[in-house]
Amino acid sequence: MFILFIVVIALGFWILRSQRPWQENGAEHNGARDILDRRYASGEIDADEYAQRRATLGL
């Protein structure tokens, strides 16, 4: 009975962890790039600042 409980808990953690899209490879860079792209598209930053920030972030 105790082993079944441990298996259910481990399965629950595995499911929760697999449902977190921000933990995927490169997702943190994609989030930063999306924000940067939106700021550039809205005119909040110019082309020079956009290029500089992309270089700083390694994108």
PDB file of N, CA and C in Angstrom:
ATOM      1  N   MET A   1       0.821  -1.187   0.000  1.00  0.00           N
ATOM      2  CA  MET A   1       0.000   0.000   0.000  1.00  0.00           C
ATOM      3  C   MET A   1       0.872   1.261   0.000  1.00  0.00           C
ATOM      4  N   PHE A   2       1.944   1.245   0.787  1.00  0.00           N
ATOM      5  CA  PHE A   2       2.844   2.389   0.872  1.00  0.00           C
ATOM      6  C   PHE A   2       3.534   2.636  -0.458  1.00  0.00           C
ATOM      7  N   ILE A   3       3.931   1.569  -1.140  1.00  0.00           N
ATOM      8  CA  ILE A   3       4.600   1.687  -2.442  1.00  0.00           C
ATOM      9  C   ILE A   3       3.642   2.297  -3.468  1.00  0.00           C
ATOM     10  N   LEU A   4       2.394   1.899  -3.451  1.00  0.00           N
ATOM     11  CA  LEU A   4       1.386   2.469  -4.354  1.00  0.00           C
ATOM     12  C   LEU A   4       1.245   3.966  -4.102  1.00  0.00           C
ATOM     13  N   PHE A   5       1.249   4.380  -2.854  1.00  0.00           N
ATOM     14  CA  PHE A   5       1.156   5.792  -2.491  1.00  0.00           C
ATOM     15  C   PHE A   5       2.347   6.565  -3.059  1.00  0.00           C
ATOM     16  N   ILE A   6       3.538   6.031  -2.921  1.00  0.00           N
ATOM     17  CA  ILE A   6       4.745   6.675  -3.444  1.00  0.00           C
ATOM     18  C   ILE A   6       4.679   6.781  -4.965  1.00  0.00           C
ATOM     19  N   VAL A   7       4.214   5.737  -5.633  1.00  0.00           N
ATOM     20  CA  VAL A   7       4.109   5.748  -7.089  1.00  0.00           C
ATOM     21  C   VAL A   7       3.107   6.814  -7.540  1.00  0.00           C
ATOM     22  N   VAL A   8       1.992   6.929  -6.854  1.00  0.00           N
ATOM     23  CA  VAL A   8       0.986   7.933  -7.211  1.00  0.00           C
ATOM     24  C   VAL A   8       1.540   9.343  -7.018  1.00  0.00           C
ATOM     25  N   ILE A   9       2.246   9.577  -5.931  1.00  0.00           N
ATOM     26  CA  ILE A   9       2.846  10.887  -5.678  1.00  0.00           C
ATOM     27  C   ILE A   9       3.893  11.206  -6.751  1.00  0.00           C
ATOM     28  N   ALA A  10       4.747  10.254  -7.080  1.00  0.00           N
ATOM     29  CA  ALA A  10       5.779  10.467  -8.101  1.00  0.00           C
ATOM     30  C   ALA A  10       5.134  10.741  -9.464  1.00  0.00           C
ATOM     31  N   LEU A  11       4.095  10.033  -9.787  1.00  0.00           N
ATOM     32  CA  LEU A  11       3.383  10.246 -11.047  1.00  0.00           C
ATOM     33  C   LEU A  11       2.778  11.645 -11.082  1.00  0.00           C
ATOM     34  N   GLY A  12       2.223  12.090  -9.975  1.00  0.00           N
ATOM     35  CA  GLY A  12       1.658  13.436  -9.896  1.00  0.00           C
ATOM     36  C   GLY A  12       2.712  14.502 -10.133  1.00  0.00           C
ATOM     37  N   PHE A  13       3.878  14.368  -9.506  1.00  0.00           N
ATOM     38  CA  PHE A  13       4.962  15.323  -9.722  1.00  0.00           C
ATOM     39  C   PHE A  13       5.430  15.313 -11.170  1.00  0.00           C
ATOM     40  N   TRP A  14       5.529  14.150 -11.754  1.00  0.00           N
ATOM     41  CA  TRP A  14       5.962  14.039 -13.143  1.00  0.00           C
ATOM     42  C   TRP A  14       4.969  14.732 -14.075  1.00  0.00           C
ATOM     43  N   ILE A  15       3.679  14.533 -13.849  1.00  0.00           N
ATOM     44  CA  ILE A  15       2.649  15.165 -14.681  1.00  0.00           C
ATOM     45  C   ILE A  15       2.708  16.681 -14.535  1.00  0.00           C
ATOM     46  N   LEU A  16       2.814  17.168 -13.303  1.00  0.00           N
ATOM     47  CA  LEU A  16       2.888  18.613 -13.090  1.00  0.00           C
ATOM     48  C   LEU A  16       4.115  19.218 -13.756  1.00  0.00           C
ATOM     49  N   ARG A  17       5.231  18.538 -13.649  1.00  0.00           N
ATOM     50  CA  ARG A  17       6.468  19.043 -14.250  1.00  0.00           C
ATOM     51  C   ARG A  17       6.385  19.069 -15.762  1.00  0.00           C
ATOM     52  N   SER A  18       5.731  18.096 -16.349  1.00  0.00           N
ATOM     53  CA  SER A  18       5.628  18.040 -17.803  1.00  0.00           C
ATOM     54  C   SER A  18       4.638  19.071 -18.340  1.00  0.00           C
ATOM     55  N   GLN A  19       3.805  19.648 -17.503  1.00  0.00           N
ATOM     56  CA  GLN A  19       2.813  20.637 -17.930  1.00  0.00           C
ATOM     57  C   GLN A  19       3.331  22.067 -17.872  1.00  0.00           C
ATOM     58  N   ARG A  20       4.587  22.272 -17.518  1.00  0.00           N
ATOM     59  CA  ARG A  20       5.144  23.618 -17.376  1.00  0.00           C
ATOM     60  C   ARG A  20       5.903  23.990 -18.637  1.00  0.00           C
ATOM     61  N   PRO A  21       5.268  24.708 -19.561  1.00  0.00           N
ATOM     62  CA  PRO A  21       5.906  25.003 -20.848  1.00  0.00           C
ATOM     63  C   PRO A  21       7.121  25.914 -20.735  1.00  0.00           C
ATOM     64  N   TRP A  22       7.215  26.730 -19.686  1.00  0.00           N
ATOM     65  CA  TRP A  22       8.351  27.632 -19.557  1.00  0.00           C
ATOM     66  C   TRP A  22       9.633  26.909 -19.193  1.00  0.00           C
ATOM     67  N   GLN A  23       9.570  25.620 -18.910  1.00  0.00           N
ATOM     68  CA  GLN A  23      10.756  24.855 -18.578  1.00  0.00           C
ATOM     69  C   GLN A  23      11.351  24.147 -19.794  1.00  0.00           C
ATOM     70  N   GLU A  24      10.726  24.306 -20.953  1.00  0.00           N
ATOM     71  CA  GLU A  24      11.242  23.642 -22.140  1.00  0.00           C
ATOM     72  C   GLU A  24      12.561  24.285 -22.564  1.00  0.00           C
ATOM     73  N   ASN A  25      13.317  23.568 -23.360  1.00  0.00           N
ATOM     74  CA  ASN A  25      14.613  24.078 -23.815  1.00  0.00           C
ATOM     75  C   ASN A  25      14.441  25.363 -24.598  1.00  0.00           C
ATOM     76  N   GLY A  26      15.130  26.409 -24.167  1.00  0.00           N
ATOM     77  CA  GLY A  26      15.096  27.683 -24.860  1.00  0.00           C
ATOM     78  C   GLY A  26      13.870  28.520 -24.598  1.00  0.00           C
ATOM     79  N   ALA A  27      12.958  28.071 -23.820  1.00  0.00           N
ATOM     80  CA  ALA A  27      11.725  28.814 -23.594  1.00  0.00           C
ATOM     81  C   ALA A  27      11.978  30.142 -22.913  1.00  0.00           C
ATOM     82  N   GLU A  28      12.961  30.192 -22.022  1.00  0.00           N
ATOM     83  CA  GLU A  28      13.238  31.458 -21.358  1.00  0.00           C
ATOM     84  C   GLU A  28      13.776  32.483 -22.344  1.00  0.00           C
ATOM     85  N   HIS A  29      14.527  32.035 -23.353  1.00  0.00           N
ATOM     86  CA  HIS A  29      15.004  32.950 -24.378  1.00  0.00           C
ATOM     87  C   HIS A  29      13.858  33.363 -25.280  1.00  0.00           C
ATOM     88  N   ASN A  30      12.966  32.453 -25.591  1.00  0.00           N
ATOM     89  CA  ASN A  30      11.828  32.799 -26.434  1.00  0.00           C
ATOM     90  C   ASN A  30      10.946  33.819 -25.745  1.00  0.00           C
ATOM     91  N   GLY A  31      10.775  33.714 -24.438  1.00  0.00           N
ATOM     92  CA  GLY A  31       9.978  34.686 -23.701  1.00  0.00           C
ATOM     93  C   GLY A  31      10.615  36.056 -23.760  1.00  0.00           C
ATOM     94  N   ALA A  32      11.913  36.124 -23.561  1.00  0.00           N
ATOM     95  CA  ALA A  32      12.625  37.399 -23.635  1.00  0.00           C
ATOM     96  C   ALA A  32      12.562  37.957 -25.052  1.00  0.00           C
ATOM     97  N   ARG A  33      12.702  37.096 -26.030  1.00  0.00           N
ATOM     98  CA  ARG A  33      12.642  37.566 -27.420  1.00  0.00           C
ATOM     99  C   ARG A  33      11.252  38.057 -27.776  1.00  0.00           C
ATOM    100  N   ASP A  34      10.221  37.379 -27.298  1.00  0.00           N
ATOM    101  CA  ASP A  34       8.857  37.824 -27.555  1.00  0.00           C
ATOM    102  C   ASP A  34       8.618  39.217 -26.987  1.00  0.00           C
ATOM    103  N   ILE A  35       9.092  39.438 -25.762  1.00  0.00           N
ATOM    104  CA  ILE A  35       8.941  40.753 -25.133  1.00  0.00           C
ATOM    105  C   ILE A  35       9.699  41.804 -25.931  1.00  0.00           C
ATOM    106  N   LEU A  36      10.919  41.476 -26.314  1.00  0.00           N
ATOM    107  CA  LEU A  36      11.741  42.401 -27.084  1.00  0.00           C
ATOM    108  C   LEU A  36      11.094  42.706 -28.435  1.00  0.00           C
ATOM    109  N   ASP A  37      10.582  41.675 -29.101  1.00  0.00           N
ATOM    110  CA  ASP A  37       9.911  41.870 -30.389  1.00  0.00           C
ATOM    111  C   ASP A  37       8.682  42.766 -30.244  1.00  0.00           C
ATOM    112  N   ARG A  38       7.897  42.549 -29.191  1.00  0.00           N
ATOM    113  CA  ARG A  38       6.710  43.384 -28.963  1.00  0.00           C
ATOM    114  C   ARG A  38       7.099  44.837 -28.706  1.00  0.00           C
ATOM    115  N   ARG A  39       8.147  45.043 -27.925  1.00  0.00           N
ATOM    116  CA  ARG A  39       8.582  46.411 -27.635  1.00  0.00           C
ATOM    117  C   ARG A  39       9.061  47.114 -28.909  1.00  0.00           C
ATOM    118  N   TYR A  40       9.762  46.383 -29.763  1.00  0.00           N
ATOM    119  CA  TYR A  40      10.230  46.955 -31.030  1.00  0.00           C
ATOM    120  C   TYR A  40       9.046  47.232 -31.954  1.00  0.00           C
ATOM    121  N   ALA A  41       8.130  46.300 -32.053  1.00  0.00           N
ATOM    122  CA  ALA A  41       6.970  46.466 -32.930  1.00  0.00           C
ATOM    123  C   ALA A  41       6.077  47.626 -32.490  1.00  0.00           C
ATOM    124  N   SER A  42       5.997  47.857 -31.201  1.00  0.00           N
ATOM    125  CA  SER A  42       5.144  48.950 -30.713  1.00  0.00           C
ATOM    126  C   SER A  42       5.834  50.305 -30.793  1.00  0.00           C
ATOM    127  N   GLY A  43       7.129  50.328 -31.142  1.00  0.00           N
ATOM    128  CA  GLY A  43       7.861  51.575 -31.245  1.00  0.00           C
ATOM    129  C   GLY A  43       8.472  52.044 -29.934  1.00  0.00           C
ATOM    130  N   GLU A  44       8.402  51.215 -28.927  1.00  0.00           N
ATOM    131  CA  GLU A  44       8.964  51.582 -27.622  1.00  0.00           C
ATOM    132  C   GLU A  44      10.484  51.673 -27.667  1.00  0.00           C
ATOM    133  N   ILE A  45      11.119  50.834 -28.503  1.00  0.00           N
ATOM    134  CA  ILE A  45      12.574  50.879 -28.678  1.00  0.00           C
ATOM    135  C   ILE A  45      12.866  50.985 -30.173  1.00  0.00           C
ATOM    136  N   ASP A  46      14.013  51.554 -30.514  1.00  0.00           N
ATOM    137  CA  ASP A  46      14.380  51.700 -31.919  1.00  0.00           C
ATOM    138  C   ASP A  46      15.226  50.501 -32.376  1.00  0.00           C
ATOM    139  N   ALA A  47      15.600  50.522 -33.657  1.00  0.00           N
ATOM    140  CA  ALA A  47      16.327  49.392 -34.253  1.00  0.00           C
ATOM    141  C   ALA A  47      17.684  49.177 -33.599  1.00  0.00           C
ATOM    142  N   ASP A  48      18.381  50.258 -33.269  1.00  0.00           N
ATOM    143  CA  ASP A  48      19.695  50.118 -32.638  1.00  0.00           C
ATOM    144  C   ASP A  48      19.587  49.468 -31.257  1.00  0.00           C
ATOM    145  N   GLU A  49      18.635  49.939 -30.478  1.00  0.00           N
ATOM    146  CA  GLU A  49      18.455  49.367 -29.137  1.00  0.00           C
ATOM    147  C   GLU A  49      17.994  47.921 -29.223  1.00  0.00           C
ATOM    148  N   TYR A  50      17.125  47.632 -30.211  1.00  0.00           N
ATOM    149  CA  TYR A  50      16.658  46.262 -30.428  1.00  0.00           C
ATOM    150  C   TYR A  50      17.839  45.334 -30.721  1.00  0.00           C
ATOM    151  N   ALA A  51      18.703  45.751 -31.640  1.00  0.00           N
ATOM    152  CA  ALA A  51      19.871  44.937 -32.000  1.00  0.00           C
ATOM    153  C   ALA A  51      20.805  44.760 -30.818  1.00  0.00           C
ATOM    154  N   GLN A  52      21.016  45.824 -30.068  1.00  0.00           N
ATOM    155  CA  GLN A  52      21.909  45.750 -28.898  1.00  0.00           C
ATOM    156  C   GLN A  52      21.363  44.787 -27.850  1.00  0.00           C
ATOM    157  N   ARG A  53      20.087  44.880 -27.578  1.00  0.00           N
ATOM    158  CA  ARG A  53      19.488  43.984 -26.564  1.00  0.00           C
ATOM    159  C   ARG A  53      19.463  42.532 -27.032  1.00  0.00           C
ATOM    160  N   ARG A  54      19.228  42.308 -28.301  1.00  0.00           N
ATOM    161  CA  ARG A  54      19.293  40.936 -28.828  1.00  0.00           C
ATOM    162  C   ARG A  54      20.685  40.362 -28.656  1.00  0.00           C
ATOM    163  N   ALA A  55      21.709  41.173 -28.940  1.00  0.00           N
ATOM    164  CA  ALA A  55      23.094  40.721 -28.790  1.00  0.00           C
ATOM    165  C   ALA A  55      23.405  40.440 -27.319  1.00  0.00           C
ATOM    166  N   THR A  56      22.915  41.295 -26.438  1.00  0.00           N
ATOM    167  CA  THR A  56      23.152  41.107 -25.009  1.00  0.00           C
ATOM    168  C   THR A  56      22.518  39.808 -24.519  1.00  0.00           C
ATOM    169  N   LEU A  57      21.318  39.523 -25.010  1.00  0.00           N
ATOM    170  CA  LEU A  57      20.608  38.305 -24.599  1.00  0.00           C
ATOM    171  C   LEU A  57      21.119  37.056 -25.330  1.00  0.00           C
ATOM    172  N   GLY A  58      21.919  37.251 -26.355  1.00  0.00           N
ATOM    173  CA  GLY A  58      22.426  36.116 -27.115  1.00  0.00           C
ATOM    174  C   GLY A  58      21.388  35.510 -28.030  1.00  0.00           C
ATOM    175  N   LEU A  59      20.508  36.347 -28.544  1.00  0.00           N
ATOM    176  CA  LEU A  59      19.432  35.862 -29.422  1.00  0.00           C
ATOM    177  C   LEU A  59      19.774  36.090 -30.869  1.00  0.00           C
TER     178      LEU A  59
END
